[in-house]
Every structure is written in C-alpha cells, then in structure tokens.
Amino acid sequence: MRRLSSFFAKFLIGSTAITSLGFSGLASANGYAVANIGFGNVDTEIDNESDISYSAALGYQFHRQWYVEGGYISFIDTGNDEQSISSKGPYLALLGKASS
C-alpha cells in the first residue's frame, strides 16, 4: 500500500510541475520548456523494480534548425533491502531539426 501511495504522490507532484511549466511564459520567443512523466522498469537477477520517470528542461532555438537544451532527467530511483537502483542527473543537449 505504501508503494501505491508513493506512486500517487509522485504523480500528483509531477502533474503539478508540468501544469505550471505549461502556463508559465518564457521571456524569449525562441525559448521553450518541456516536461515529461513516464514509467521506468529495471529487471535484474535479484528483483524487478519500477518507478515513475520524469524530466524537465529549458531550451533555446538559436538557429532555424538548431536548439540547445538543458535539464534534469530521472529514469528510475528506487530500492529495497537488497539493492538500490538510481539513474538520474542533469543533461545538456544540442538538437537539430531535419530539413526538407
């Protein structure tokens, strides 16, 4: 039951964060914000662990085909008595848009 309540608490916090990002305006017309919520699952020989995954980032379009984006991503952060699994951290990305 504790796991289920933890899931709903994380889901509520994540949904609130996404909503606030969606309604906040950026100062620049070329800037943007993005947030994601998903589901992470890791299957090891000892156990099968799953957790909510999330990310949030700010980006800027500096050329018609190029963007720079920085943010934080958490794929999974869970554990039990036998093991702890964590995959999270900041990131910086250079993104390109295909031309046609």
PDB file of N, CA and C in Angstrom:
ATOM      1  N   MET A   1       0.821  -1.191   0.000  1.00  0.00           N
ATOM      2  CA  MET A   1       0.000   0.000   0.000  1.00  0.00           C
ATOM      3  C   MET A   1       0.865   1.255   0.000  1.00  0.00           C
ATOM      4  N   ARG A   2       2.025   1.183   0.712  1.00  0.00           N
ATOM      5  CA  ARG A   2       2.925   2.314   0.769  1.00  0.00           C
ATOM      6  C   ARG A   2       3.423   2.688  -0.611  1.00  0.00           C
ATOM      7  N   ARG A   3       3.713   1.683  -1.445  1.00  0.00           N
ATOM      8  CA  ARG A   3       4.203   1.915  -2.802  1.00  0.00           C
ATOM      9  C   ARG A   3       3.150   2.609  -3.660  1.00  0.00           C
ATOM     10  N   LEU A   4       1.892   2.214  -3.462  1.00  0.00           N
ATOM     11  CA  LEU A   4       0.807   2.811  -4.232  1.00  0.00           C
ATOM     12  C   LEU A   4       0.628   4.277  -3.854  1.00  0.00           C
ATOM     13  N   SER A   5       0.673   4.598  -2.559  1.00  0.00           N
ATOM     14  CA  SER A   5       0.538   5.994  -2.145  1.00  0.00           C
ATOM     15  C   SER A   5       1.733   6.816  -2.600  1.00  0.00           C
ATOM     16  N   SER A   6       2.931   6.228  -2.610  1.00  0.00           N
ATOM     17  CA  SER A   6       4.114   6.921  -3.113  1.00  0.00           C
ATOM     18  C   SER A   6       3.971   7.215  -4.603  1.00  0.00           C
ATOM     19  N   PHE A   7       3.406   6.270  -5.340  1.00  0.00           N
ATOM     20  CA  PHE A   7       3.184   6.454  -6.777  1.00  0.00           C
ATOM     21  C   PHE A   7       2.251   7.634  -7.019  1.00  0.00           C
ATOM     22  N   PHE A   8       1.136   7.695  -6.293  1.00  0.00           N
ATOM     23  CA  PHE A   8       0.182   8.782  -6.481  1.00  0.00           C
ATOM     24  C   PHE A   8       0.754  10.127  -6.049  1.00  0.00           C
ATOM     25  N   ALA A   9       1.568  10.144  -4.999  1.00  0.00           N
ATOM     26  CA  ALA A   9       2.198  11.392  -4.562  1.00  0.00           C
ATOM     27  C   ALA A   9       3.142  11.913  -5.639  1.00  0.00           C
ATOM     28  N   LYS A  10       3.969  11.024  -6.205  1.00  0.00           N
ATOM     29  CA  LYS A  10       4.886  11.430  -7.275  1.00  0.00           C
ATOM     30  C   LYS A  10       4.110  11.867  -8.512  1.00  0.00           C
ATOM     31  N   PHE A  11       3.050  11.162  -8.826  1.00  0.00           N
ATOM     32  CA  PHE A  11       2.246  11.523  -9.997  1.00  0.00           C
ATOM     33  C   PHE A  11       1.626  12.903  -9.815  1.00  0.00           C
ATOM     34  N   LEU A  12       1.109  13.187  -8.634  1.00  0.00           N
ATOM     35  CA  LEU A  12       0.497  14.485  -8.361  1.00  0.00           C
ATOM     36  C   LEU A  12       1.529  15.605  -8.429  1.00  0.00           C
ATOM     37  N   ILE A  13       2.693  15.401  -7.835  1.00  0.00           N
ATOM     38  CA  ILE A  13       3.746  16.413  -7.871  1.00  0.00           C
ATOM     39  C   ILE A  13       4.215  16.645  -9.304  1.00  0.00           C
ATOM     40  N   GLY A  14       4.401  15.575 -10.054  1.00  0.00           N
ATOM     41  CA  GLY A  14       4.822  15.697 -11.449  1.00  0.00           C
ATOM     42  C   GLY A  14       3.791  16.407 -12.302  1.00  0.00           C
ATOM     43  N   SER A  15       2.533  16.076 -12.117  1.00  0.00           N
ATOM     44  CA  SER A  15       1.469  16.719 -12.888  1.00  0.00           C
ATOM     45  C   SER A  15       1.385  18.205 -12.573  1.00  0.00           C
ATOM     46  N   THR A  16       1.555  18.564 -11.314  1.00  0.00           N
ATOM     47  CA  THR A  16       1.547  19.975 -10.929  1.00  0.00           C
ATOM     48  C   THR A  16       2.715  20.710 -11.567  1.00  0.00           C
ATOM     49  N   ALA A  17       3.880  20.083 -11.594  1.00  0.00           N
ATOM     50  CA  ALA A  17       5.050  20.713 -12.207  1.00  0.00           C
ATOM     51  C   ALA A  17       4.845  20.922 -13.696  1.00  0.00           C
ATOM     52  N   ILE A  18       4.291  19.944 -14.369  1.00  0.00           N
ATOM     53  CA  ILE A  18       4.047  20.066 -15.807  1.00  0.00           C
ATOM     54  C   ILE A  18       3.034  21.164 -16.086  1.00  0.00           C
ATOM     55  N   THR A  19       1.984  21.222 -15.305  1.00  0.00           N
ATOM     56  CA  THR A  19       0.965  22.249 -15.494  1.00  0.00           C
ATOM     57  C   THR A  19       1.550  23.636 -15.292  1.00  0.00           C
ATOM     58  N   SER A  20       2.375  23.809 -14.270  1.00  0.00           N
ATOM     59  CA  SER A  20       2.962  25.128 -14.027  1.00  0.00           C
ATOM     60  C   SER A  20       3.927  25.509 -15.135  1.00  0.00           C
ATOM     61  N   LEU A  21       4.660  24.548 -15.681  1.00  0.00           N
ATOM     62  CA  LEU A  21       5.542  24.842 -16.809  1.00  0.00           C
ATOM     63  C   LEU A  21       4.742  25.215 -18.052  1.00  0.00           C
ATOM     64  N   GLY A  22       3.635  24.564 -18.255  1.00  0.00           N
ATOM     65  CA  GLY A  22       2.823  24.827 -19.433  1.00  0.00           C
ATOM     66  C   GLY A  22       2.214  26.210 -19.427  1.00  0.00           C
ATOM     67  N   PHE A  23       1.914  26.749 -18.258  1.00  0.00           N
ATOM     68  CA  PHE A  23       1.273  28.051 -18.177  1.00  0.00           C
ATOM     69  C   PHE A  23       2.243  29.201 -17.949  1.00  0.00           C
ATOM     70  N   SER A  24       3.513  28.898 -17.688  1.00  0.00           N
ATOM     71  CA  SER A  24       4.465  29.993 -17.499  1.00  0.00           C
ATOM     72  C   SER A  24       5.005  30.425 -18.859  1.00  0.00           C
ATOM     73  N   GLY A  25       5.093  31.714 -19.066  1.00  0.00           N
ATOM     74  CA  GLY A  25       5.597  32.229 -20.343  1.00  0.00           C
ATOM     75  C   GLY A  25       7.097  32.416 -20.277  1.00  0.00           C
ATOM     76  N   LEU A  26       7.763  32.179 -21.375  1.00  0.00           N
ATOM     77  CA  LEU A  26       9.196  32.423 -21.449  1.00  0.00           C
ATOM     78  C   LEU A  26       9.434  33.826 -21.992  1.00  0.00           C
ATOM     79  N   ALA A  27      10.529  34.434 -21.586  1.00  0.00           N
ATOM     80  CA  ALA A  27      10.812  35.815 -21.980  1.00  0.00           C
ATOM     81  C   ALA A  27      11.123  35.927 -23.468  1.00  0.00           C
ATOM     82  N   SER A  28      11.698  34.917 -24.046  1.00  0.00           N
ATOM     83  CA  SER A  28      12.093  34.965 -25.444  1.00  0.00           C
ATOM     84  C   SER A  28      11.133  34.162 -26.311  1.00  0.00           C
ATOM     85  N   ALA A  29      10.890  34.634 -27.520  1.00  0.00           N
ATOM     86  CA  ALA A  29      10.015  33.903 -28.447  1.00  0.00           C
ATOM     87  C   ALA A  29      10.679  32.617 -28.917  1.00  0.00           C
ATOM     88  N   ASN A  30      12.002  32.526 -28.812  1.00  0.00           N
ATOM     89  CA  ASN A  30      12.719  31.329 -29.258  1.00  0.00           C
ATOM     90  C   ASN A  30      12.962  30.336 -28.126  1.00  0.00           C
ATOM     91  N   GLY A  31      12.528  30.642 -26.928  1.00  0.00           N
ATOM     92  CA  GLY A  31      12.720  29.754 -25.799  1.00  0.00           C
ATOM     93  C   GLY A  31      11.536  28.823 -25.618  1.00  0.00           C
ATOM     94  N   TYR A  32      11.774  27.711 -24.965  1.00  0.00           N
ATOM     95  CA  TYR A  32      10.697  26.760 -24.698  1.00  0.00           C
ATOM     96  C   TYR A  32      11.008  25.965 -23.438  1.00  0.00           C
ATOM     97  N   ALA A  33       9.982  25.362 -22.880  1.00  0.00           N
ATOM     98  CA  ALA A  33      10.101  24.477 -21.727  1.00  0.00           C
ATOM     99  C   ALA A  33       9.414  23.167 -22.071  1.00  0.00           C
ATOM    100  N   VAL A  34       9.967  22.079 -21.560  1.00  0.00           N
ATOM    101  CA  VAL A  34       9.383  20.765 -21.805  1.00  0.00           C
ATOM    102  C   VAL A  34       9.468  19.945 -20.516  1.00  0.00           C
ATOM    103  N   ALA A  35       8.428  19.163 -20.250  1.00  0.00           N
ATOM    104  CA  ALA A  35       8.396  18.276 -19.086  1.00  0.00           C
ATOM    105  C   ALA A  35       7.751  16.958 -19.499  1.00  0.00           C
ATOM    106  N   ASN A  36       8.239  15.871 -18.943  1.00  0.00           N
ATOM    107  CA  ASN A  36       7.726  14.534 -19.265  1.00  0.00           C
ATOM    108  C   ASN A  36       7.565  13.711 -18.004  1.00  0.00           C
ATOM    109  N   ILE A  37       6.565  12.857 -18.008  1.00  0.00           N
ATOM    110  CA  ILE A  37       6.386  11.852 -16.964  1.00  0.00           C
ATOM    111  C   ILE A  37       6.225  10.518 -17.669  1.00  0.00           C
ATOM    112  N   GLY A  38       6.893   9.502 -17.151  1.00  0.00           N
ATOM    113  CA  GLY A  38       6.810   8.179 -17.758  1.00  0.00           C
ATOM    114  C   GLY A  38       6.916   7.095 -16.703  1.00  0.00           C
ATOM    115  N   PHE A  39       7.312   5.912 -17.138  1.00  0.00           N
ATOM    116  CA  PHE A  39       7.401   4.749 -16.272  1.00  0.00           C
ATOM    117  C   PHE A  39       8.717   4.044 -16.561  1.00  0.00           C
ATOM    118  N   GLY A  40       9.538   3.842 -15.529  1.00  0.00           N
ATOM    119  CA  GLY A  40      10.812   3.139 -15.684  1.00  0.00           C
ATOM    120  C   GLY A  40      10.744   1.775 -15.019  1.00  0.00           C
ATOM    121  N   ASN A  41      11.323   0.769 -15.658  1.00  0.00           N
ATOM    122  CA  ASN A  41      11.321  -0.585 -15.127  1.00  0.00           C
ATOM    123  C   ASN A  41      12.698  -1.207 -15.351  1.00  0.00           C
ATOM    124  N   VAL A  42      13.289  -1.758 -14.282  1.00  0.00           N
ATOM    125  CA  VAL A  42      14.584  -2.427 -14.359  1.00  0.00           C
ATOM    126  C   VAL A  42      14.406  -3.840 -13.833  1.00  0.00           C
ATOM    127  N   ASP A  43      14.827  -4.809 -14.628  1.00  0.00           N
ATOM    128  CA  ASP A  43      14.713  -6.221 -14.261  1.00  0.00           C
ATOM    129  C   ASP A  43      16.116  -6.787 -14.072  1.00  0.00           C
ATOM    130  N   THR A  44      16.470  -7.150 -12.826  1.00  0.00           N
ATOM    131  CA  THR A  44      17.778  -7.729 -12.537  1.00  0.00           C
ATOM    132  C   THR A  44      17.598  -9.181 -12.107  1.00  0.00           C
ATOM    133  N   GLU A  45      18.711  -9.848 -11.847  1.00  0.00           N
ATOM    134  CA  GLU A  45      18.635 -11.236 -11.385  1.00  0.00           C
ATOM    135  C   GLU A  45      18.016 -11.336  -9.998  1.00  0.00           C
ATOM    136  N   ILE A  46      18.150 -10.299  -9.204  1.00  0.00           N
ATOM    137  CA  ILE A  46      17.652 -10.311  -7.824  1.00  0.00           C
ATOM    138  C   ILE A  46      16.185  -9.922  -7.751  1.00  0.00           C
ATOM    139  N   ASP A  47      15.798  -8.878  -8.480  1.00  0.00           N
ATOM    140  CA  ASP A  47      14.463  -8.320  -8.311  1.00  0.00           C
ATOM    141  C   ASP A  47      14.046  -7.562  -9.562  1.00  0.00           C
ATOM    142  N   ASN A  48      12.785  -7.193  -9.600  1.00  0.00           N
ATOM    143  CA  ASN A  48      12.230  -6.368 -10.668  1.00  0.00           C
ATOM    144  C   ASN A  48      11.724  -5.087 -10.019  1.00  0.00           C
ATOM    145  N   GLU A  49      12.308  -3.941 -10.361  1.00  0.00           N
ATOM    146  CA  GLU A  49      11.944  -2.662  -9.761  1.00  0.00           C
ATOM    147  C   GLU A  49      11.349  -1.738 -10.816  1.00  0.00           C
ATOM    148  N   SER A  50      10.362  -0.946 -10.419  1.00  0.00           N
ATOM    149  CA  SER A  50       9.772   0.042 -11.318  1.00  0.00           C
ATOM    150  C   SER A  50       9.498   1.316 -10.537  1.00  0.00           C
ATOM    151  N   ASP A  51       9.474   2.431 -11.256  1.00  0.00           N
ATOM    152  CA  ASP A  51       9.288   3.727 -10.624  1.00  0.00           C
ATOM    153  C   ASP A  51       8.821   4.726 -11.682  1.00  0.00           C
ATOM    154  N   ILE A  52       8.326   5.853 -11.232  1.00  0.00           N
ATOM    155  CA  ILE A  52       7.942   6.940 -12.122  1.00  0.00           C
ATOM    156  C   ILE A  52       9.223   7.570 -12.666  1.00  0.00           C
ATOM    157  N   SER A  53       9.272   7.823 -13.976  1.00  0.00           N
ATOM    158  CA  SER A  53      10.390   8.563 -14.559  1.00  0.00           C
ATOM    159  C   SER A  53       9.882   9.944 -14.962  1.00  0.00           C
ATOM    160  N   TYR A  54      10.762  10.924 -14.893  1.00  0.00           N
ATOM    161  CA  TYR A  54      10.358  12.287 -15.214  1.00  0.00           C
ATOM    162  C   TYR A  54      11.551  13.089 -15.719  1.00  0.00           C
ATOM    163  N   SER A  55      11.258  14.164 -16.418  1.00  0.00           N
ATOM    164  CA  SER A  55      12.295  15.096 -16.850  1.00  0.00           C
ATOM    165  C   SER A  55      11.679  16.474 -17.040  1.00  0.00           C
ATOM    166  N   ALA A  56      12.514  17.470 -16.927  1.00  0.00           N
ATOM    167  CA  ALA A  56      12.116  18.851 -17.174  1.00  0.00           C
ATOM    168  C   ALA A  56      13.317  19.566 -17.783  1.00  0.00           C
ATOM    169  N   ALA A  57      13.065  20.420 -18.775  1.00  0.00           N
ATOM    170  CA  ALA A  57      14.169  21.096 -19.451  1.00  0.00           C
ATOM    171  C   ALA A  57      13.731  22.455 -19.977  1.00  0.00           C
ATOM    172  N   LEU A  58      14.716  23.303 -20.173  1.00  0.00           N
ATOM    173  CA  LEU A  58      14.533  24.584 -20.841  1.00  0.00           C
ATOM    174  C   LEU A  58      15.414  24.575 -22.079  1.00  0.00           C
ATOM    175  N   GLY A  59      14.917  25.135 -23.157  1.00  0.00           N
ATOM    176  CA  GLY A  59      15.679  25.149 -24.392  1.00  0.00           C
ATOM    177  C   GLY A  59      15.591  26.481 -25.094  1.00  0.00           C
ATOM    178  N   TYR A  60      16.490  26.656 -26.058  1.00  0.00           N
ATOM    179  CA  TYR A  60      16.520  27.890 -26.831  1.00  0.00           C
ATOM    180  C   TYR A  60      16.864  27.566 -28.283  1.00  0.00           C
ATOM    181  N   GLN A  61      16.094  28.098 -29.215  1.00  0.00           N
ATOM    182  CA  GLN A  61      16.348  27.931 -30.646  1.00  0.00           C
ATOM    183  C   GLN A  61      17.246  29.088 -31.087  1.00  0.00           C
ATOM    184  N   PHE A  62      18.526  28.771 -31.378  1.00  0.00           N
ATOM    185  CA  PHE A  62      19.454  29.824 -31.751  1.00  0.00           C
ATOM    186  C   PHE A  62      19.645  29.942 -33.264  1.00  0.00           C
ATOM    187  N   HIS A  63      19.100  28.992 -34.017  1.00  0.00           N
ATOM    188  CA  HIS A  63      19.132  28.993 -35.482  1.00  0.00           C
ATOM    189  C   HIS A  63      17.865  28.295 -35.931  1.00  0.00           C
ATOM    190  N   ARG A  64      17.442  28.492 -37.170  1.00  0.00           N
ATOM    191  CA  ARG A  64      16.176  27.893 -37.596  1.00  0.00           C
ATOM    192  C   ARG A  64      16.178  26.368 -37.519  1.00  0.00           C
ATOM    193  N   GLN A  65      17.358  25.742 -37.520  1.00  0.00           N
ATOM    194  CA  GLN A  65      17.426  24.281 -37.438  1.00  0.00           C
ATOM    195  C   GLN A  65      18.145  23.765 -36.192  1.00  0.00           C
ATOM    196  N   TRP A  66      18.627  24.627 -35.304  1.00  0.00           N
ATOM    197  CA  TRP A  66      19.425  24.179 -34.169  1.00  0.00           C
ATOM    198  C   TRP A  66      18.880  24.710 -32.848  1.00  0.00           C
ATOM    199  N   TYR A  67      18.910  23.847 -31.845  1.00  0.00           N
ATOM    200  CA  TYR A  67      18.425  24.155 -30.499  1.00  0.00           C
ATOM    201  C   TYR A  67      19.481  23.713 -29.486  1.00  0.00           C
ATOM    202  N   VAL A  68      19.531  24.387 -28.364  1.00  0.00           N
ATOM    203  CA  VAL A  68      20.312  23.928 -27.221  1.00  0.00           C
ATOM    204  C   VAL A  68      19.319  23.750 -26.074  1.00  0.00           C
ATOM    205  N   GLU A  69      19.475  22.644 -25.336  1.00  0.00           N
ATOM    206  CA  GLU A  69      18.519  22.302 -24.289  1.00  0.00           C
ATOM    207  C   GLU A  69      19.264  21.769 -23.082  1.00  0.00           C
ATOM    208  N   GLY A  70      18.859  22.187 -21.907  1.00  0.00           N
ATOM    209  CA  GLY A  70      19.446  21.690 -20.666  1.00  0.00           C
ATOM    210  C   GLY A  70      18.342  21.394 -19.673  1.00  0.00           C
ATOM    211  N   GLY A  71      18.543  20.343 -18.903  1.00  0.00           N
ATOM    212  CA  GLY A  71      17.509  19.990 -17.944  1.00  0.00           C
ATOM    213  C   GLY A  71      17.948  18.904 -16.987  1.00  0.00           C
ATOM    214  N   TYR A  72      16.981  18.294 -16.366  1.00  0.00           N
ATOM    215  CA  TYR A  72      17.192  17.219 -15.396  1.00  0.00           C
ATOM    216  C   TYR A  72      16.309  16.051 -15.786  1.00  0.00           C
ATOM    217  N   ILE A  73      16.879  14.835 -15.700  1.00  0.00           N
ATOM    218  CA  ILE A  73      16.119  13.639 -16.055  1.00  0.00           C
ATOM    219  C   ILE A  73      16.334  12.568 -14.986  1.00  0.00           C
ATOM    220  N   SER A  74      15.267  11.874 -14.653  1.00  0.00           N
ATOM    221  CA  SER A  74      15.326  10.764 -13.701  1.00  0.00           C
ATOM    222  C   SER A  74      14.616   9.573 -14.330  1.00  0.00           C
ATOM    223  N   PHE A  75      15.389   8.566 -14.724  1.00  0.00           N
ATOM    224  CA  PHE A  75      14.801   7.366 -15.318  1.00  0.00           C
ATOM    225  C   PHE A  75      14.200   6.457 -14.256  1.00  0.00           C
ATOM    226  N   ILE A  76      14.960   6.218 -13.177  1.00  0.00           N
ATOM    227  CA  ILE A  76      14.478   5.371 -12.084  1.00  0.00           C
ATOM    228  C   ILE A  76      15.281   5.704 -10.830  1.00  0.00           C
ATOM    229  N   ASP A  77      14.637   5.680  -9.680  1.00  0.00           N
ATOM    230  CA  ASP A  77      15.280   5.933  -8.400  1.00  0.00           C
ATOM    231  C   ASP A  77      14.492   5.178  -7.340  1.00  0.00           C
ATOM    232  N   THR A  78      14.841   3.928  -7.138  1.00  0.00           N
ATOM    233  CA  THR A  78      14.094   3.074  -6.222  1.00  0.00           C
ATOM    234  C   THR A  78      15.037   2.057  -5.588  1.00  0.00           C
ATOM    235  N   GLY A  79      14.547   1.334  -4.632  1.00  0.00           N
ATOM    236  CA  GLY A  79      15.364   0.324  -3.982  1.00  0.00           C
ATOM    237  C   GLY A  79      14.565  -0.494  -2.995  1.00  0.00           C
ATOM    238  N   ASN A  80      15.219  -1.519  -2.479  1.00  0.00           N
ATOM    239  CA  ASN A  80      14.626  -2.361  -1.450  1.00  0.00           C
ATOM    240  C   ASN A  80      15.736  -2.764  -0.478  1.00  0.00           C
ATOM    241  N   ASP A  81      15.527  -3.792   0.329  1.00  0.00           N
ATOM    242  CA  ASP A  81      16.529  -4.213   1.314  1.00  0.00           C
ATOM    243  C   ASP A  81      17.792  -4.766   0.662  1.00  0.00           C
ATOM    244  N   GLU A  82      17.673  -5.316  -0.535  1.00  0.00           N
ATOM    245  CA  GLU A  82      18.800  -5.978  -1.186  1.00  0.00           C
ATOM    246  C   GLU A  82      19.588  -5.095  -2.139  1.00  0.00           C
ATOM    247  N   GLN A  83      18.929  -4.112  -2.753  1.00  0.00           N
ATOM    248  CA  GLN A  83      19.620  -3.301  -3.756  1.00  0.00           C
ATOM    249  C   GLN A  83      18.969  -1.932  -3.891  1.00  0.00           C
ATOM    250  N   SER A  84      19.730  -1.020  -4.467  1.00  0.00           N
ATOM    251  CA  SER A  84      19.234   0.317  -4.763  1.00  0.00           C
ATOM    252  C   SER A  84      19.575   0.629  -6.216  1.00  0.00           C
ATOM    253  N   ILE A  85      18.604   1.125  -6.965  1.00  0.00           N
ATOM    254  CA  ILE A  85      18.792   1.416  -8.384  1.00  0.00           C
ATOM    255  C   ILE A  85      18.495   2.892  -8.607  1.00  0.00           C
ATOM    256  N   SER A  86      19.441   3.586  -9.257  1.00  0.00           N
ATOM    257  CA  SER A  86      19.256   5.006  -9.500  1.00  0.00           C
ATOM    258  C   SER A  86      19.884   5.384 -10.839  1.00  0.00           C
ATOM    259  N   SER A  87      19.133   6.120 -11.634  1.00  0.00           N
ATOM    260  CA  SER A  87      19.633   6.645 -12.902  1.00  0.00           C
ATOM    261  C   SER A  87      18.993   8.011 -13.091  1.00  0.00           C
ATOM    262  N   LYS A  88      19.756   9.056 -12.731  1.00  0.00           N
ATOM    263  CA  LYS A  88      19.212  10.407 -12.787  1.00  0.00           C
ATOM    264  C   LYS A  88      20.355  11.407 -12.871  1.00  0.00           C
ATOM    265  N   GLY A  89      20.026  12.631 -13.328  1.00  0.00           N
ATOM    266  CA  GLY A  89      21.031  13.676 -13.362  1.00  0.00           C
ATOM    267  C   GLY A  89      20.728  14.750 -14.376  1.00  0.00           C
ATOM    268  N   PRO A  90      21.559  15.803 -14.384  1.00  0.00           N
ATOM    269  CA  PRO A  90      21.364  16.895 -15.336  1.00  0.00           C
ATOM    270  C   PRO A  90      21.870  16.496 -16.727  1.00  0.00           C
ATOM    271  N   TYR A  91      21.397  17.202 -17.751  1.00  0.00           N
ATOM    272  CA  TYR A  91      21.894  16.963 -19.102  1.00  0.00           C
ATOM    273  C   TYR A  91      21.898  18.250 -19.904  1.00  0.00           C
ATOM    274  N   LEU A  92      22.726  18.267 -20.931  1.00  0.00           N
ATOM    275  CA  LEU A  92      22.817  19.363 -21.880  1.00  0.00           C
ATOM    276  C   LEU A  92      22.827  18.737 -23.265  1.00  0.00           C
ATOM    277  N   ALA A  93      21.972  19.229 -24.164  1.00  0.00           N
ATOM    278  CA  ALA A  93      21.851  18.620 -25.485  1.00  0.00           C
ATOM    279  C   ALA A  93      21.867  19.681 -26.587  1.00  0.00           C
ATOM    280  N   LEU A  94      22.483  19.329 -27.684  1.00  0.00           N
ATOM    281  CA  LEU A  94      22.426  20.119 -28.902  1.00  0.00           C
ATOM    282  C   LEU A  94      21.519  19.358 -29.856  1.00  0.00           C
ATOM    283  N   LEU A  95      20.403  19.971 -30.254  1.00  0.00           N
ATOM    284  CA  LEU A  95      19.399  19.298 -31.056  1.00  0.00           C
ATOM    285  C   LEU A  95      19.295  19.944 -32.429  1.00  0.00           C
ATOM    286  N   GLY A  96      19.152  19.109 -33.460  1.00  0.00           N
ATOM    287  CA  GLY A  96      18.990  19.607 -34.816  1.00  0.00           C
ATOM    288  C   GLY A  96      17.677  19.147 -35.394  1.00  0.00           C
ATOM    289  N   LYS A  97      17.095  19.984 -36.232  1.00  0.00           N
ATOM    290  CA  LYS A  97      15.832  19.671 -36.894  1.00  0.00           C
ATOM    291  C   LYS A  97      16.156  19.338 -38.344  1.00  0.00           C
ATOM    292  N   ALA A  98      15.621  18.241 -38.840  1.00  0.00           N
ATOM    293  CA  ALA A  98      15.861  17.844 -40.225  1.00  0.00           C
ATOM    294  C   ALA A  98      15.199  18.818 -41.184  1.00  0.00           C
ATOM    295  N   SER A  99      15.872  19.064 -42.273  1.00  0.00           N
ATOM    296  CA  SER A  99      15.282  19.956 -43.287  1.00  0.00           C
ATOM    297  C   SER A  99      14.688  19.128 -44.419  1.00  0.00           C
ATOM    298  N   SER A 100      13.750  19.717 -45.151  1.00  0.00           N
ATOM    299  CA  SER A 100      13.167  19.001 -46.283  1.00  0.00           C
ATOM    300  C   SER A 100      13.102  19.905 -47.491  1.00  0.00           C
TER     301      SER A 100
END
